[in-house]
């Protein structure tokens, strides 16, 4: 693969990440009886998709010949070089070209999925939700699509998985009970609702599917320990009330 293309993709990844990932990675401390649910599910998910978005966008619209295969030999555009000129404006331009193409070619599931993920990198979650809705009108849902849509919908609803996003996660798990991302999100939704028993159950299932040396395992174990601690606290409080 062209080294310049790889460089451009990595720069796009870094630029997009700076806009959306870091604020979501911060985890507020627990205060009293109202713990702030962790939002790292959103940050980790966004960082994961950004690489594919950066590469996929350029593959689809970075070269004008991609919009007109018959002109591929007649029109050539070099891959943009890494540098200060590569920023949000360039990402916006590629996303805009993809959106314009889909207006004339709406029956393109791959295009709508890429557009949804592209809007996510720009923090345009309402538009990403619309793109997912167009995609779901064209193809049967699968667990990956449902979990991606659930996260985007959650981001558009003030970063919450409760409600419709959780319903989408449950649909994903009905199709694949061992879906890694869906189990992680299901646990996060339970934690957010203070249904710690559910969070514990889902995260334990998740740990059973993850290799012992996986980098993400310590984070899951830490969240599981927090959920267990809060569940024990609530159980003690309930027991104290009943004893009065």
Protein backbone atom coordinates (compact mmCIF):
# COMPACT_ATOMS: atom_id res chain seq x y z
CA UNK A 1 0.00 0.00 0.00
CA UNK A 2 1.18 3.55 -0.75
CA UNK A 3 3.16 4.84 2.29
CA UNK A 4 1.79 8.34 1.72
CA UNK A 5 -1.74 6.95 1.90
CA UNK A 6 -0.97 5.27 5.22
CA UNK A 7 0.53 8.49 6.56
CA UNK A 8 -2.52 10.48 5.48
CA UNK A 9 -4.85 7.98 7.11
CA UNK A 10 -2.95 8.12 10.38
CA UNK A 11 -3.00 11.92 10.41
CA UNK A 12 -6.75 11.91 9.82
CA UNK A 13 -7.09 9.47 12.71
CA UNK A 14 -5.13 11.69 15.08
CA UNK A 15 -7.00 14.84 14.08
CA UNK A 16 -10.43 13.24 14.41
CA UNK A 17 -9.51 11.59 17.70
CA UNK A 18 -8.58 14.93 19.22
CA UNK A 19 -12.08 16.25 18.62
CA UNK A 20 -14.11 13.46 20.18
CA UNK A 21 -12.18 10.86 22.11
CA UNK A 22 -10.36 12.60 24.93
CA UNK A 23 -13.36 14.34 26.58
CA UNK A 24 -15.19 11.02 26.66
CA UNK A 25 -12.30 9.10 28.21
CA UNK A 26 -12.34 11.08 31.44
CA UNK A 27 -14.17 9.30 34.22
CA UNK A 28 -15.83 11.40 36.91
CA UNK A 29 -15.44 10.22 40.51
CA UNK A 30 -18.28 8.67 42.43
CA UNK A 31 -19.97 11.02 44.87
CA UNK A 32 -22.23 9.79 47.63
CA UNK A 33 -25.10 7.62 46.50
CA UNK A 34 -25.23 8.93 42.94
CA UNK A 35 -22.35 7.43 40.99
CA UNK A 36 -21.51 8.93 37.63
CA UNK A 37 -21.68 6.13 35.04
CA UNK A 38 -18.44 5.52 33.17
CA UNK A 39 -18.32 6.93 29.64
CA UNK A 40 -15.22 5.10 28.50
CA UNK A 41 -17.38 2.78 26.39
CA UNK A 42 -17.92 5.75 24.07
CA UNK A 43 -14.29 6.82 23.91
CA UNK A 44 -12.95 3.33 23.32
CA UNK A 45 -15.52 2.70 20.61
CA UNK A 46 -14.82 5.96 18.81
CA UNK A 47 -11.07 5.47 18.79
CA UNK A 48 -11.59 1.98 17.39
CA UNK A 49 -13.63 3.15 14.40
CA UNK A 50 -11.56 6.23 13.56
CA UNK A 51 -8.83 4.32 11.76
CA UNK A 52 -11.34 2.57 9.51
CA UNK A 53 -13.10 5.86 8.83
CA UNK A 54 -9.89 7.61 7.86
CA UNK A 55 -8.87 4.86 5.46
CA UNK A 56 -12.38 4.17 4.18
CA UNK A 57 -13.21 7.79 3.44
CA UNK A 58 -10.19 8.26 1.27
CA UNK A 59 -10.83 4.96 -0.49
CA UNK A 60 -14.38 6.10 -1.31
CA UNK A 61 -14.00 9.79 -2.11
CA UNK A 62 -10.40 10.87 -1.65
CA UNK A 63 -9.79 10.33 -5.35
CA UNK A 64 -12.30 11.90 -7.77
CA UNK A 65 -12.03 8.78 -9.92
CA UNK A 66 -13.67 6.85 -7.09
CA UNK A 67 -16.88 8.73 -7.92
CA UNK A 68 -16.56 7.90 -11.61
CA UNK A 69 -14.85 4.55 -12.26
CA UNK A 70 -14.85 5.19 -16.02
CA UNK A 71 -12.64 8.22 -15.53
CA UNK A 72 -10.16 6.38 -13.33
CA UNK A 73 -7.38 6.48 -15.91
CA UNK A 74 -8.17 9.99 -17.10
CA UNK A 75 -8.30 11.70 -13.73
CA UNK A 76 -5.60 11.22 -11.14
CA UNK A 77 -5.30 12.99 -7.81
CA UNK A 78 -2.37 12.39 -5.50
CA UNK A 79 -2.88 11.30 -1.94
CA UNK A 80 -2.66 14.39 0.28
CA UNK A 81 0.56 14.69 2.18
CA UNK A 82 0.68 14.81 5.94
CA UNK A 83 1.07 18.28 7.32
CA UNK A 84 -0.66 21.29 8.76
CA UNK A 85 -3.12 21.44 5.84
CA UNK A 86 -4.64 18.12 6.93
CA UNK A 87 -7.29 18.85 9.49
CA UNK A 88 -10.99 18.98 10.12
CA UNK A 89 -11.63 20.96 6.94
CA UNK A 90 -10.26 18.14 4.80
CA UNK A 91 -12.28 15.54 6.69
CA UNK A 92 -15.38 17.72 6.28
CA UNK A 93 -14.72 17.91 2.55
CA UNK A 94 -14.50 14.16 2.10
CA UNK A 95 -17.58 13.58 4.24
CA UNK A 96 -19.47 16.18 2.22
CA UNK A 97 -18.55 14.48 -1.05
CA UNK A 98 -19.70 11.14 0.29
CA UNK A 99 -23.02 12.62 1.46
CA UNK A 100 -23.51 14.24 -1.95
CA UNK A 101 -22.82 10.96 -3.72
CA UNK A 102 -25.41 9.18 -1.58
CA UNK A 103 -28.06 11.70 -2.58
CA UNK A 104 -27.82 10.40 -6.14
CA UNK A 105 -26.96 6.80 -5.18
CA UNK A 106 -29.08 6.16 -2.06
CA UNK A 107 -29.17 2.36 -2.36
CA UNK A 108 -25.59 1.93 -1.15
CA UNK A 109 -25.39 0.25 2.28
CA UNK A 110 -21.59 0.48 2.43
CA UNK A 111 -21.78 4.19 1.66
CA UNK A 112 -24.36 4.88 4.38
CA UNK A 113 -22.35 2.92 6.94
CA UNK A 114 -19.21 4.87 6.09
CA UNK A 115 -21.16 8.14 6.23
CA UNK A 116 -22.52 7.23 9.68
CA UNK A 117 -19.04 6.49 11.01
CA UNK A 118 -17.68 9.64 9.36
CA UNK A 119 -20.27 11.81 11.07
CA UNK A 120 -19.31 10.13 14.34
CA UNK A 121 -15.68 11.22 13.95
CA UNK A 122 -16.92 14.79 13.54
CA UNK A 123 -19.22 14.61 16.54
CA UNK A 124 -22.34 14.97 14.37
CA UNK A 125 -24.24 12.23 16.11
CA UNK A 126 -27.74 13.29 15.04
CA UNK A 127 -26.67 13.06 11.41
CA UNK A 128 -24.97 9.74 12.10
CA UNK A 129 -28.23 8.41 13.54
CA UNK A 130 -30.02 9.42 10.34
CA UNK A 131 -27.39 7.62 8.27
CA UNK A 132 -27.83 4.47 10.35
CA UNK A 133 -31.58 4.66 9.84
CA UNK A 134 -31.07 4.84 6.08
CA UNK A 135 -28.70 1.89 6.29
CA UNK A 136 -31.15 -0.22 8.32
CA UNK A 137 -33.80 0.44 5.67
CA UNK A 138 -31.51 -1.24 3.13
CA UNK A 139 -30.26 -4.32 4.99
CA UNK A 140 -31.09 -6.70 7.79
CA UNK A 141 -29.46 -5.73 11.10
CA UNK A 142 -26.54 -7.73 12.41
CA UNK A 143 -24.96 -7.54 15.90
CA UNK A 144 -22.11 -5.28 14.78
CA UNK A 145 -24.46 -2.83 13.10
CA UNK A 146 -26.86 -2.80 16.05
CA UNK A 147 -24.14 -2.13 18.61
CA UNK A 148 -22.57 0.61 16.48
CA UNK A 149 -25.96 2.23 16.07
CA UNK A 150 -26.67 1.89 19.81
CA UNK A 151 -23.49 3.78 20.70
CA UNK A 152 -24.20 6.55 18.20
CA UNK A 153 -27.78 6.86 19.40
CA UNK A 154 -26.50 6.99 22.97
CA UNK A 155 -24.09 9.77 22.07
CA UNK A 156 -26.92 11.74 20.48
CA UNK A 157 -28.92 11.38 23.71
CA UNK A 158 -26.46 13.06 26.08
CA UNK A 159 -24.20 10.02 26.29
CA UNK A 160 -26.69 7.59 27.76
CA UNK A 161 -27.33 3.98 26.85
CA UNK A 162 -30.63 3.81 28.74
CA UNK A 163 -33.77 3.47 26.64
CA UNK A 164 -33.65 2.85 22.89
CA UNK A 165 -29.86 2.31 22.77
CA UNK A 166 -30.19 -0.49 25.32
CA UNK A 167 -32.99 -2.04 23.27
CA UNK A 168 -30.66 -2.15 20.27
CA UNK A 169 -27.96 -3.76 22.42
CA UNK A 170 -30.46 -6.40 23.56
CA UNK A 171 -31.35 -7.10 19.94
CA UNK A 172 -27.66 -7.61 19.17
CA UNK A 173 -27.33 -10.05 22.06
CA UNK A 174 -30.40 -11.96 20.91
CA UNK A 175 -28.58 -12.52 17.60
CA UNK A 176 -25.24 -13.30 19.24
CA UNK A 177 -25.19 -13.79 23.05
CA UNK A 178 -21.38 -13.78 22.99
CA UNK A 179 -20.93 -10.51 21.12
CA UNK A 180 -18.06 -8.77 22.90
CA UNK A 181 -19.07 -5.16 22.29
CA UNK A 182 -22.75 -5.81 23.05
CA UNK A 183 -21.90 -7.49 26.37
CA UNK A 184 -19.67 -4.58 27.36
CA UNK A 185 -22.36 -2.04 26.47
CA UNK A 186 -25.10 -4.05 28.16
CA UNK A 187 -23.09 -4.00 31.37
CA UNK A 188 -22.54 -0.25 31.02
CA UNK A 189 -26.28 0.31 30.52
CA UNK A 190 -27.04 -1.70 33.64
CA UNK A 191 -24.44 0.23 35.61
CA UNK A 192 -25.93 3.50 34.41
CA UNK A 193 -29.35 2.43 35.70
CA UNK A 194 -27.76 1.25 38.96
CA UNK A 195 -28.78 -2.28 38.08
CA UNK A 196 -25.45 -3.52 39.36
CA UNK A 197 -26.49 -7.17 39.31
CA UNK A 198 -27.03 -6.92 35.56
CA UNK A 199 -23.74 -5.08 35.03
CA UNK A 200 -21.89 -7.72 37.04
CA UNK A 201 -23.51 -10.55 35.12
CA UNK A 202 -22.74 -9.08 31.70
CA UNK A 203 -19.17 -8.08 32.53
CA UNK A 204 -18.45 -11.53 33.97
CA UNK A 205 -19.64 -13.08 30.72
CA UNK A 206 -17.41 -10.63 28.89
CA UNK A 207 -14.37 -11.60 30.94
CA UNK A 208 -15.01 -15.27 30.21
CA UNK A 209 -14.62 -14.50 26.51
CA UNK A 210 -11.50 -12.34 26.72
CA UNK A 211 -7.96 -13.76 26.83
CA UNK A 212 -6.20 -13.47 30.18
CA UNK A 213 -3.50 -11.25 28.67
CA UNK A 214 -5.86 -8.90 26.80
CA UNK A 215 -5.00 -5.23 27.34
CA UNK A 216 -8.62 -4.32 28.00
CA UNK A 217 -9.07 -6.92 30.74
CA UNK A 218 -7.80 -4.78 33.68
CA UNK A 219 -10.26 -2.02 32.79
CA UNK A 220 -13.18 -4.46 32.68
CA UNK A 221 -12.09 -6.02 35.97
CA UNK A 222 -11.89 -2.56 37.56
CA UNK A 223 -15.41 -1.69 36.39
CA UNK A 224 -16.64 -5.06 37.62
CA UNK A 225 -15.10 -4.42 41.04
CA UNK A 226 -16.82 -1.00 41.20
CA UNK A 227 -20.16 -2.56 40.31
CA UNK A 228 -19.70 -5.27 42.94
CA UNK A 229 -18.77 -2.70 45.58
CA UNK A 230 -21.85 -0.62 44.81
CA UNK A 231 -24.07 -3.71 44.78
CA UNK A 232 -22.74 -4.70 48.22
CA UNK A 233 -23.32 -1.17 49.50
CA UNK A 234 -26.93 -1.17 48.28
CA UNK A 235 -27.53 -4.61 49.79
CA UNK A 236 -26.22 -3.44 53.17
CA UNK A 237 -28.39 -0.32 53.00
CA UNK A 238 -31.47 -2.39 52.20
CA UNK A 239 -30.71 -4.77 55.04
CA UNK A 240 -30.27 -1.87 57.46
CA UNK A 241 -33.64 -0.37 56.45
CA UNK A 242 -35.42 -3.68 56.92
CA UNK A 243 -33.92 -4.18 60.35
CA UNK A 244 -35.39 -0.94 61.65
